[in-house]
PDB file of N, CA and C in Angstrom:
ATOM      1  N   UNK A   1     -88.079  63.124  24.294  1.00  0.00           N
ATOM      2  CA  UNK A   1     -89.083  62.935  22.547  1.00  0.00           C
ATOM      3  C   UNK A   1     -88.255  61.520  22.105  1.00  0.00           C
ATOM      4  N   UNK A   2     -89.420  61.076  21.629  1.00  0.00           N
ATOM      5  CA  UNK A   2     -88.744  60.030  20.599  1.00  0.00           C
ATOM      6  C   UNK A   2     -88.659  60.438  19.063  1.00  0.00           C
ATOM      7  N   UNK A   3     -87.834  59.812  18.755  1.00  0.00           N
ATOM      8  CA  UNK A   3     -87.318  60.530  17.462  1.00  0.00           C
ATOM      9  C   UNK A   3     -87.127  59.398  16.146  1.00  0.00           C
ATOM     10  N   UNK A   4     -87.313  59.517  14.697  1.00  0.00           N
ATOM     11  CA  UNK A   4     -86.929  58.324  13.794  1.00  0.00           C
ATOM     12  C   UNK A   4     -86.272  58.689  13.225  1.00  0.00           C
ATOM     13  N   UNK A   5     -85.814  57.682  12.262  1.00  0.00           N
ATOM     14  CA  UNK A   5     -84.588  57.979  11.216  1.00  0.00           C
ATOM     15  C   UNK A   5     -85.462  59.272   9.967  1.00  0.00           C
ATOM     16  N   UNK A   6     -86.547  59.644  10.414  1.00  0.00           N
ATOM     17  CA  UNK A   6     -87.193  60.860   8.956  1.00  0.00           C
ATOM     18  C   UNK A   6     -87.039  62.799   9.832  1.00  0.00           C
ATOM     19  N   UNK A   7     -87.501  61.825  11.361  1.00  0.00           N
ATOM     20  CA  UNK A   7     -87.572  63.085  11.639  1.00  0.00           C
ATOM     21  C   UNK A   7     -86.146  63.808  12.113  1.00  0.00           C
ATOM     22  N   UNK A   8     -85.207  62.871  12.161  1.00  0.00           N
ATOM     23  CA  UNK A   8     -83.953  63.283  13.167  1.00  0.00           C
ATOM     24  C   UNK A   8     -83.067  64.505  12.467  1.00  0.00           C
ATOM     25  N   UNK A   9     -83.159  64.915  11.389  1.00  0.00           N
ATOM     26  CA  UNK A   9     -82.651  66.390  10.535  1.00  0.00           C
ATOM     27  C   UNK A   9     -83.542  67.852  11.400  1.00  0.00           C
ATOM     28  N   UNK A  10     -85.333  67.102  10.971  1.00  0.00           N
ATOM     29  CA  UNK A  10     -86.202  68.794  11.253  1.00  0.00           C
ATOM     30  C   UNK A  10     -85.489  68.774  13.081  1.00  0.00           C
ATOM     31  N   UNK A  11     -85.495  67.774  14.011  1.00  0.00           N
ATOM     32  CA  UNK A  11     -85.657  67.648  14.901  1.00  0.00           C
ATOM     33  C   UNK A  11     -83.969  67.792  16.351  1.00  0.00           C
ATOM     34  N   UNK A  12     -82.780  67.237  15.256  1.00  0.00           N
ATOM     35  CA  UNK A  12     -82.009  67.244  15.821  1.00  0.00           C
ATOM     36  C   UNK A  12     -81.372  68.144  14.929  1.00  0.00           C
ATOM     37  N   UNK A  13     -80.563  68.139  13.561  1.00  0.00           N
ATOM     38  CA  UNK A  13     -80.159  69.493  12.835  1.00  0.00           C
ATOM     39  C   UNK A  13     -80.187  69.919  12.847  1.00  0.00           C
ATOM     40  N   UNK A  14     -81.786  70.732  12.873  1.00  0.00           N
ATOM     41  CA  UNK A  14     -82.164  72.077  13.234  1.00  0.00           C
ATOM     42  C   UNK A  14     -82.519  72.606  14.350  1.00  0.00           C
ATOM     43  N   UNK A  15     -82.204  72.040  15.432  1.00  0.00           N
ATOM     44  CA  UNK A  15     -82.768  72.402  16.559  1.00  0.00           C
ATOM     45  C   UNK A  15     -81.610  73.614  17.227  1.00  0.00           C
ATOM     46  N   UNK A  16     -81.984  74.470  17.166  1.00  0.00           N
ATOM     47  CA  UNK A  16     -81.358  75.946  18.007  1.00  0.00           C
ATOM     48  C   UNK A  16     -80.889  75.577  19.004  1.00  0.00           C
ATOM     49  N   UNK A  17     -81.642  74.930  19.985  1.00  0.00           N
ATOM     50  CA  UNK A  17     -80.704  74.227  21.320  1.00  0.00           C
ATOM     51  C   UNK A  17     -79.691  73.183  21.381  1.00  0.00           C
ATOM     52  N   UNK A  18     -79.313  72.928  22.552  1.00  0.00           N
ATOM     53  CA  UNK A  18     -78.161  71.618  21.465  1.00  0.00           C
ATOM     54  C   UNK A  18     -79.432  70.479  22.371  1.00  0.00           C
ATOM     55  N   UNK A  19     -78.064  69.441  21.809  1.00  0.00           N
ATOM     56  CA  UNK A  19     -79.905  68.143  21.729  1.00  0.00           C
ATOM     57  C   UNK A  19     -78.651  67.160  22.235  1.00  0.00           C
ATOM     58  N   UNK A  20     -79.120  65.694  23.557  1.00  0.00           N
ATOM     59  CA  UNK A  20     -78.850  64.636  23.646  1.00  0.00           C
ATOM     60  C   UNK A  20     -79.513  63.744  22.726  1.00  0.00           C
ATOM     61  N   UNK A  21     -79.063  62.813  22.669  1.00  0.00           N
ATOM     62  CA  UNK A  21     -79.716  61.891  21.830  1.00  0.00           C
ATOM     63  C   UNK A  21     -79.333  60.351  22.515  1.00  0.00           C
ATOM     64  N   UNK A  22     -80.324  59.545  23.014  1.00  0.00           N
ATOM     65  CA  UNK A  22     -79.778  58.720  23.371  1.00  0.00           C
ATOM     66  C   UNK A  22     -80.705  57.438  22.606  1.00  0.00           C
ATOM     67  N   UNK A  23     -79.226  56.661  21.735  1.00  0.00           N
ATOM     68  CA  UNK A  23     -79.699  56.211  21.060  1.00  0.00           C
ATOM     69  C   UNK A  23     -80.151  54.630  22.664  1.00  0.00           C
ATOM     70  N   UNK A  24     -80.670  53.806  21.743  1.00  0.00           N
ATOM     71  CA  UNK A  24     -80.810  52.898  22.876  1.00  0.00           C
ATOM     72  C   UNK A  24     -82.176  51.352  21.568  1.00  0.00           C
ATOM     73  N   UNK A  25     -82.390  50.526  22.493  1.00  0.00           N
ATOM     74  CA  UNK A  25     -83.333  49.596  22.584  1.00  0.00           C
ATOM     75  C   UNK A  25     -83.976  48.781  23.182  1.00  0.00           C
ATOM     76  N   UNK A  26     -85.119  48.357  23.390  1.00  0.00           N
ATOM     77  CA  UNK A  26     -85.884  48.056  24.687  1.00  0.00           C
ATOM     78  C   UNK A  26     -85.339  46.610  24.937  1.00  0.00           C
ATOM     79  N   UNK A  27     -84.433  45.782  24.067  1.00  0.00           N
ATOM     80  CA  UNK A  27     -84.240  44.593  24.849  1.00  0.00           C
ATOM     81  C   UNK A  27     -82.462  45.089  25.373  1.00  0.00           C
ATOM     82  N   UNK A  28     -82.058  46.409  25.735  1.00  0.00           N
ATOM     83  CA  UNK A  28     -80.528  46.704  25.666  1.00  0.00           C
ATOM     84  C   UNK A  28     -80.779  46.535  27.455  1.00  0.00           C
ATOM     85  N   UNK A  29     -80.730  46.160  28.146  1.00  0.00           N
ATOM     86  CA  UNK A  29     -80.120  45.772  29.298  1.00  0.00           C
ATOM     87  C   UNK A  29     -79.683  47.277  30.172  1.00  0.00           C
ATOM     88  N   UNK A  30     -77.963  47.521  29.533  1.00  0.00           N
ATOM     89  CA  UNK A  30     -77.936  48.914  29.617  1.00  0.00           C
ATOM     90  C   UNK A  30     -78.357  50.267  29.463  1.00  0.00           C
ATOM     91  N   UNK A  31     -79.444  50.182  28.539  1.00  0.00           N
ATOM     92  CA  UNK A  31     -80.306  50.885  27.807  1.00  0.00           C
ATOM     93  C   UNK A  31     -81.019  50.976  28.265  1.00  0.00           C
ATOM     94  N   UNK A  32     -82.330  50.593  29.959  1.00  0.00           N
ATOM     95  CA  UNK A  32     -83.347  50.019  30.654  1.00  0.00           C
ATOM     96  C   UNK A  32     -82.648  50.653  31.789  1.00  0.00           C
ATOM     97  N   UNK A  33     -81.372  50.230  32.507  1.00  0.00           N
ATOM     98  CA  UNK A  33     -80.735  50.875  33.217  1.00  0.00           C
ATOM     99  C   UNK A  33     -80.295  52.711  33.367  1.00  0.00           C
ATOM    100  N   UNK A  34     -79.622  52.878  32.147  1.00  0.00           N
ATOM    101  CA  UNK A  34     -79.328  54.347  31.753  1.00  0.00           C
ATOM    102  C   UNK A  34     -80.840  55.205  31.435  1.00  0.00           C
ATOM    103  N   UNK A  35     -81.740  54.367  31.520  1.00  0.00           N
ATOM    104  CA  UNK A  35     -83.396  55.435  31.859  1.00  0.00           C
ATOM    105  C   UNK A  35     -83.497  56.800  32.764  1.00  0.00           C
ATOM    106  N   UNK A  36     -83.461  56.028  33.208  1.00  0.00           N
ATOM    107  CA  UNK A  36     -83.639  57.126  34.689  1.00  0.00           C
ATOM    108  C   UNK A  36     -82.666  58.422  34.926  1.00  0.00           C
ATOM    109  N   UNK A  37     -81.289  57.951  34.607  1.00  0.00           N
ATOM    110  CA  UNK A  37     -80.803  58.813  34.531  1.00  0.00           C
ATOM    111  C   UNK A  37     -80.549  59.923  33.512  1.00  0.00           C
ATOM    112  N   UNK A  38     -81.075  59.403  31.950  1.00  0.00           N
ATOM    113  CA  UNK A  38     -81.402  60.412  31.833  1.00  0.00           C
ATOM    114  C   UNK A  38     -83.012  61.327  31.661  1.00  0.00           C
ATOM    115  N   UNK A  39     -83.557  60.148  31.931  1.00  0.00           N
ATOM    116  CA  UNK A  39     -85.032  61.513  32.368  1.00  0.00           C
ATOM    117  C   UNK A  39     -84.411  62.311  33.623  1.00  0.00           C
ATOM    118  N   UNK A  40     -84.009  62.086  34.593  1.00  0.00           N
ATOM    119  CA  UNK A  40     -83.437  63.032  35.689  1.00  0.00           C
ATOM    120  C   UNK A  40     -82.865  64.818  35.289  1.00  0.00           C
ATOM    121  N   UNK A  41     -81.770  64.032  34.254  1.00  0.00           N
ATOM    122  CA  UNK A  41     -80.917  65.022  33.542  1.00  0.00           C
ATOM    123  C   UNK A  41     -81.980  65.532  32.753  1.00  0.00           C
ATOM    124  N   UNK A  42     -82.868  65.637  32.269  1.00  0.00           N
ATOM    125  CA  UNK A  42     -83.572  66.017  30.678  1.00  0.00           C
ATOM    126  C   UNK A  42     -84.572  66.902  31.909  1.00  0.00           C
ATOM    127  N   UNK A  43     -85.020  66.883  33.331  1.00  0.00           N
ATOM    128  CA  UNK A  43     -85.788  67.689  34.021  1.00  0.00           C
ATOM    129  C   UNK A  43     -85.063  68.340  34.566  1.00  0.00           C
ATOM    130  N   UNK A  44     -83.417  68.144  34.904  1.00  0.00           N
ATOM    131  CA  UNK A  44     -82.697  69.316  35.007  1.00  0.00           C
ATOM    132  C   UNK A  44     -82.873  70.236  34.310  1.00  0.00           C
ATOM    133  N   UNK A  45     -82.293  69.966  32.726  1.00  0.00           N
ATOM    134  CA  UNK A  45     -82.024  70.562  31.984  1.00  0.00           C
ATOM    135  C   UNK A  45     -82.597  71.070  30.627  1.00  0.00           C
ATOM    136  N   UNK A  46     -84.124  71.325  31.537  1.00  0.00           N
ATOM    137  CA  UNK A  46     -85.084  71.366  30.311  1.00  0.00           C
ATOM    138  C   UNK A  46     -85.032  72.825  30.201  1.00  0.00           C
ATOM    139  N   UNK A  47     -85.154  73.322  29.026  1.00  0.00           N
ATOM    140  CA  UNK A  47     -84.968  75.292  28.389  1.00  0.00           C
ATOM    141  C   UNK A  47     -83.192  74.544  27.735  1.00  0.00           C
ATOM    142  N   UNK A  48     -82.382  73.968  27.827  1.00  0.00           N
ATOM    143  CA  UNK A  48     -80.887  74.451  27.964  1.00  0.00           C
ATOM    144  C   UNK A  48     -80.638  73.066  26.821  1.00  0.00           C
ATOM    145  N   UNK A  49     -80.552  72.132  27.349  1.00  0.00           N
ATOM    146  CA  UNK A  49     -80.923  70.974  26.542  1.00  0.00           C
ATOM    147  C   UNK A  49     -82.009  70.220  26.020  1.00  0.00           C
ATOM    148  N   UNK A  50     -82.097  69.585  24.404  1.00  0.00           N
ATOM    149  CA  UNK A  50     -82.974  69.116  24.623  1.00  0.00           C
ATOM    150  C   UNK A  50     -83.161  67.385  24.365  1.00  0.00           C
ATOM    151  N   UNK A  51     -83.967  67.256  24.864  1.00  0.00           N
ATOM    152  CA  UNK A  51     -82.894  65.483  25.202  1.00  0.00           C
ATOM    153  C   UNK A  51     -84.551  64.030  24.408  1.00  0.00           C
ATOM    154  N   UNK A  52     -83.485  63.362  23.363  1.00  0.00           N
ATOM    155  CA  UNK A  52     -84.706  62.592  22.289  1.00  0.00           C
ATOM    156  C   UNK A  52     -83.885  61.074  22.195  1.00  0.00           C
ATOM    157  N   UNK A  53     -84.868  60.406  22.045  1.00  0.00           N
ATOM    158  CA  UNK A  53     -84.092  59.194  21.975  1.00  0.00           C
ATOM    159  C   UNK A  53     -84.601  58.485  20.895  1.00  0.00           C
ATOM    160  N   UNK A  54     -83.689  57.773  20.508  1.00  0.00           N
ATOM    161  CA  UNK A  54     -83.840  56.973  19.000  1.00  0.00           C
ATOM    162  C   UNK A  54     -83.564  55.758  19.168  1.00  0.00           C
ATOM    163  N   UNK A  55     -84.564  54.898  18.704  1.00  0.00           N
ATOM    164  CA  UNK A  55     -84.332  52.721  18.827  1.00  0.00           C
ATOM    165  C   UNK A  55     -83.472  52.224  17.946  1.00  0.00           C
ATOM    166  N   UNK A  56     -82.552  51.526  17.729  1.00  0.00           N
ATOM    167  CA  UNK A  56     -81.338  51.514  16.962  1.00  0.00           C
ATOM    168  C   UNK A  56     -82.163  50.392  16.133  1.00  0.00           C
ATOM    169  N   UNK A  57     -82.811  49.652  16.609  1.00  0.00           N
ATOM    170  CA  UNK A  57     -83.250  48.746  15.767  1.00  0.00           C
ATOM    171  C   UNK A  57     -84.655  49.074  14.529  1.00  0.00           C
ATOM    172  N   UNK A  58     -85.632  50.378  14.900  1.00  0.00           N
ATOM    173  CA  UNK A  58     -86.437  50.629  14.038  1.00  0.00           C
ATOM    174  C   UNK A  58     -86.088  51.711  13.309  1.00  0.00           C
ATOM    175  N   UNK A  59     -84.687  52.261  13.269  1.00  0.00           N
ATOM    176  CA  UNK A  59     -83.977  54.114  12.940  1.00  0.00           C
ATOM    177  C   UNK A  59     -83.227  52.942  12.459  1.00  0.00           C
ATOM    178  N   UNK A  60     -82.539  52.015  11.711  1.00  0.00           N
ATOM    179  CA  UNK A  60     -81.500  51.403  10.659  1.00  0.00           C
ATOM    180  C   UNK A  60     -79.997  52.825  10.120  1.00  0.00           C
ATOM    181  N   UNK A  61     -80.717  53.818   9.171  1.00  0.00           N
ATOM    182  CA  UNK A  61     -80.147  54.668   8.590  1.00  0.00           C
ATOM    183  C   UNK A  61     -79.651  55.666   9.551  1.00  0.00           C
ATOM    184  N   UNK A  62     -79.827  55.693  10.928  1.00  0.00           N
ATOM    185  CA  UNK A  62     -79.129  57.149  11.048  1.00  0.00           C
ATOM    186  C   UNK A  62     -78.413  56.345  12.474  1.00  0.00           C
ATOM    187  N   UNK A  63     -78.890  55.319  12.982  1.00  0.00           N
ATOM    188  CA  UNK A  63     -77.933  54.433  13.363  1.00  0.00           C
ATOM    189  C   UNK A  63     -76.488  53.804  12.614  1.00  0.00           C
ATOM    190  N   UNK A  64     -76.542  53.826  11.322  1.00  0.00           N
ATOM    191  CA  UNK A  64     -75.971  53.774  10.636  1.00  0.00           C
ATOM    192  C   UNK A  64     -75.169  54.969  10.575  1.00  0.00           C
ATOM    193  N   UNK A  65     -75.860  56.050   9.846  1.00  0.00           N
ATOM    194  CA  UNK A  65     -75.529  57.633  10.117  1.00  0.00           C
ATOM    195  C   UNK A  65     -73.865  57.900  10.687  1.00  0.00           C
ATOM    196  N   UNK A  66     -73.991  57.628  11.856  1.00  0.00           N
ATOM    197  CA  UNK A  66     -73.324  57.994  12.868  1.00  0.00           C
ATOM    198  C   UNK A  66     -72.650  56.795  13.366  1.00  0.00           C
ATOM    199  N   UNK A  67     -72.342  55.776  12.938  1.00  0.00           N
ATOM    200  CA  UNK A  67     -71.910  54.742  13.599  1.00  0.00           C
ATOM    201  C   UNK A  67     -71.843  53.934  14.637  1.00  0.00           C
ATOM    202  N   UNK A  68     -73.457  53.851  15.135  1.00  0.00           N
ATOM    203  CA  UNK A  68     -73.104  53.294  16.251  1.00  0.00           C
ATOM    204  C   UNK A  68     -73.413  51.846  16.480  1.00  0.00           C
ATOM    205  N   UNK A  69     -72.094  51.161  16.710  1.00  0.00           N
ATOM    206  CA  UNK A  69     -72.127  49.790  17.322  1.00  0.00           C
ATOM    207  C   UNK A  69     -71.726  49.290  18.210  1.00  0.00           C
ATOM    208  N   UNK A  70     -72.277  50.197  19.506  1.00  0.00           N
ATOM    209  CA  UNK A  70     -72.591  50.029  21.396  1.00  0.00           C
ATOM    210  C   UNK A  70     -73.734  51.002  21.526  1.00  0.00           C
ATOM    211  N   UNK A  71     -74.686  50.469  22.129  1.00  0.00           N
ATOM    212  CA  UNK A  71     -75.291  50.448  22.830  1.00  0.00           C
ATOM    213  C   UNK A  71     -75.390  50.304  24.346  1.00  0.00           C
ATOM    214  N   UNK A  72     -75.400  51.517  25.530  1.00  0.00           N
ATOM    215  CA  UNK A  72     -76.162  52.412  24.826  1.00  0.00           C
ATOM    216  C   UNK A  72     -75.184  53.768  24.737  1.00  0.00           C
ATOM    217  N   UNK A  73     -75.405  54.345  23.642  1.00  0.00           N
ATOM    218  CA  UNK A  73     -74.700  55.545  23.045  1.00  0.00           C
ATOM    219  C   UNK A  73     -75.701  56.876  23.037  1.00  0.00           C
ATOM    220  N   UNK A  74     -74.780  58.268  23.734  1.00  0.00           N
ATOM    221  CA  UNK A  74     -75.313  59.176  23.923  1.00  0.00           C
ATOM    222  C   UNK A  74     -74.710  61.067  22.959  1.00  0.00           C
ATOM    223  N   UNK A  75     -75.338  61.152  22.209  1.00  0.00           N
ATOM    224  CA  UNK A  75     -74.560  61.863  21.524  1.00  0.00           C
ATOM    225  C   UNK A  75     -75.018  62.903  21.465  1.00  0.00           C
ATOM    226  N   UNK A  76     -74.242  64.148  21.390  1.00  0.00           N
ATOM    227  CA  UNK A  76     -74.611  65.850  21.808  1.00  0.00           C
ATOM    228  C   UNK A  76     -73.931  66.333  20.401  1.00  0.00           C
ATOM    229  N   UNK A  77     -75.179  67.127  19.658  1.00  0.00           N
ATOM    230  CA  UNK A  77     -75.509  67.830  18.824  1.00  0.00           C
ATOM    231  C   UNK A  77     -76.386  69.243  18.895  1.00  0.00           C
ATOM    232  N   UNK A  78     -74.848  69.748  18.718  1.00  0.00           N
ATOM    233  CA  UNK A  78     -74.837  71.645  18.645  1.00  0.00           C
ATOM    234  C   UNK A  78     -74.567  71.840  17.423  1.00  0.00           C
ATOM    235  N   UNK A  79     -75.786  73.454  17.313  1.00  0.00           N
ATOM    236  CA  UNK A  79     -75.977  73.364  15.691  1.00  0.00           C
ATOM    237  C   UNK A  79     -75.473  72.608  14.278  1.00  0.00           C
ATOM    238  N   UNK A  80     -75.991  71.468  14.929  1.00  0.00           N
ATOM    239  CA  UNK A  80     -76.822  70.642  13.698  1.00  0.00           C
ATOM    240  C   UNK A  80     -75.130  69.371  13.292  1.00  0.00           C
ATOM    241  N   UNK A  81     -74.347  69.761  14.530  1.00  0.00           N
ATOM    242  CA  UNK A  81     -73.153  69.249  14.080  1.00  0.00           C
ATOM    243  C   UNK A  81     -73.012  68.285  15.674  1.00  0.00           C
ATOM    244  N   UNK A  82     -71.985  67.178  15.402  1.00  0.00           N
ATOM    245  CA  UNK A  82     -71.931  66.197  16.689  1.00  0.00           C
ATOM    246  C   UNK A  82     -71.267  66.416  17.109  1.00  0.00           C
ATOM    247  N   UNK A  83     -70.536  67.133  19.062  1.00  0.00           N
ATOM    248  CA  UNK A  83     -70.149  67.879  19.494  1.00  0.00           C
ATOM    249  C   UNK A  83     -69.378  66.806  20.378  1.00  0.00           C
ATOM    250  N   UNK A  84     -70.168  65.589  21.057  1.00  0.00           N
ATOM    251  CA  UNK A  84     -69.377  64.636  21.473  1.00  0.00           C
ATOM    252  C   UNK A  84     -70.664  63.868  22.052  1.00  0.00           C
ATOM    253  N   UNK A  85     -69.540  62.460  23.217  1.00  0.00           N
ATOM    254  CA  UNK A  85     -70.715  61.516  22.572  1.00  0.00           C
ATOM    255  C   UNK A  85     -70.352  60.676  23.507  1.00  0.00           C
ATOM    256  N   UNK A  86     -70.718  59.818  24.640  1.00  0.00           N
ATOM    257  CA  UNK A  86     -70.630  58.544  26.003  1.00  0.00           C
ATOM    258  C   UNK A  86     -70.938  57.733  25.198  1.00  0.00           C
ATOM    259  N   UNK A  87     -70.359  56.271  25.123  1.00  0.00           N
ATOM    260  CA  UNK A  87     -70.546  54.916  24.677  1.00  0.00           C
ATOM    261  C   UNK A  87     -70.683  54.269  25.790  1.00  0.00           C
ATOM    262  N   UNK A  88     -71.914  53.442  26.339  1.00  0.00           N
ATOM    263  CA  UNK A  88     -72.180  52.955  27.364  1.00  0.00           C
ATOM    264  C   UNK A  88     -72.435  53.382  28.658  1.00  0.00           C
ATOM    265  N   UNK A  89     -73.060  53.100  29.527  1.00  0.00           N
ATOM    266  CA  UNK A  89     -73.796  53.636  30.464  1.00  0.00           C
ATOM    267  C   UNK A  89     -72.596  54.824  31.250  1.00  0.00           C
ATOM    268  N   UNK A  90     -73.001  55.855  32.055  1.00  0.00           N
ATOM    269  CA  UNK A  90     -72.594  56.835  32.218  1.00  0.00           C
ATOM    270  C   UNK A  90     -73.208  57.217  33.920  1.00  0.00           C
ATOM    271  N   UNK A  91     -72.498  58.490  34.835  1.00  0.00           N
ATOM    272  CA  UNK A  91     -73.607  58.893  36.040  1.00  0.00           C
ATOM    273  C   UNK A  91     -74.182  60.374  35.332  1.00  0.00           C
ATOM    274  N   UNK A  92     -74.852  60.212  36.620  1.00  0.00           N
ATOM    275  CA  UNK A  92     -75.892  61.384  36.227  1.00  0.00           C
ATOM    276  C   UNK A  92     -74.415  62.769  35.503  1.00  0.00           C
ATOM    277  N   UNK A  93     -73.609  63.083  36.861  1.00  0.00           N
ATOM    278  CA  UNK A  93     -72.343  64.448  36.900  1.00  0.00           C
ATOM    279  C   UNK A  93     -71.955  64.057  35.813  1.00  0.00           C
ATOM    280  N   UNK A  94     -71.449  63.518  35.237  1.00  0.00           N
ATOM    281  CA  UNK A  94     -70.458  62.668  33.936  1.00  0.00           C
ATOM    282  C   UNK A  94     -71.324  63.714  32.644  1.00  0.00           C
ATOM    283  N   UNK A  95     -73.026  63.577  32.798  1.00  0.00           N
ATOM    284  CA  UNK A  95     -73.744  63.306  31.939  1.00  0.00           C
ATOM    285  C   UNK A  95     -73.804  64.843  32.204  1.00  0.00           C
ATOM    286  N   UNK A  96     -73.974  64.918  33.344  1.00  0.00           N
ATOM    287  CA  UNK A  96     -73.697  66.917  33.534  1.00  0.00           C
ATOM    288  C   UNK A  96     -72.534  67.659  32.761  1.00  0.00           C
ATOM    289  N   UNK A  97     -71.406  67.420  33.107  1.00  0.00           N
ATOM    290  CA  UNK A  97     -70.225  67.969  32.936  1.00  0.00           C
ATOM    291  C   UNK A  97     -70.007  67.427  31.636  1.00  0.00           C
ATOM    292  N   UNK A  98     -70.819  66.797  31.161  1.00  0.00           N
ATOM    293  CA  UNK A  98     -70.736  67.041  29.363  1.00  0.00           C
ATOM    294  C   UNK A  98     -71.503  67.792  28.854  1.00  0.00           C
ATOM    295  N   UNK A  99     -72.577  68.184  29.184  1.00  0.00           N
ATOM    296  CA  UNK A  99     -73.828  68.905  29.224  1.00  0.00           C
ATOM    297  C   UNK A  99     -73.114  70.807  29.291  1.00  0.00           C
ATOM    298  N   UNK A 100     -72.542  70.805  30.110  1.00  0.00           N
ATOM    299  CA  UNK A 100     -72.117  72.096  30.125  1.00  0.00           C
ATOM    300  C   UNK A 100     -71.423  72.540  29.261  1.00  0.00           C
ATOM    301  N   UNK A 101     -70.020  71.706  29.434  1.00  0.00           N
ATOM    302  CA  UNK A 101     -69.459  72.128  28.628  1.00  0.00           C
ATOM    303  C   UNK A 101     -69.666  72.408  26.899  1.00  0.00           C
ATOM    304  N   UNK A 102     -71.316  71.136  26.672  1.00  0.00           N
ATOM    305  CA  UNK A 102     -71.462  71.800  25.251  1.00  0.00           C
ATOM    306  C   UNK A 102     -72.161  73.147  25.188  1.00  0.00           C
ATOM    307  N   UNK A 103     -72.556  73.642  26.392  1.00  0.00           N
ATOM    308  CA  UNK A 103     -73.632  74.401  26.514  1.00  0.00           C
ATOM    309  C   UNK A 103     -72.640  75.285  26.075  1.00  0.00           C
ATOM    310  N   UNK A 104     -71.441  75.991  26.932  1.00  0.00           N
ATOM    311  CA  UNK A 104     -70.334  76.657  27.377  1.00  0.00           C
ATOM    312  C   UNK A 104     -69.522  77.071  25.316  1.00  0.00           C
ATOM    313  N   UNK A 105     -69.537  76.255  24.709  1.00  0.00           N
ATOM    314  CA  UNK A 105     -69.189  75.906  23.676  1.00  0.00           C
ATOM    315  C   UNK A 105     -69.654  76.357  22.334  1.00  0.00           C
TER     316      UNK A 105
END
């Protein structure tokens, strides 16, 4: 699900399930390489973790709010709070391990 500055609070901070937000940009090669990993993760964690994407070029307020200086950046939120993050590309196994940790908290 794509989100924007105006929907960030309602979709992420008020979500009853943990959320993974992928901060990305269309010109970012690493972001495009990570996309299939995030999609596969999203399918496996349906109902357990909500997965959203935010284009940093089109949403400067949220990008600035969370001090996103490098992309891709994956931020995990739970109960309206930032609880973990990965900066740069990662393996699916690392993403799964981090999500399992967030779910247990």
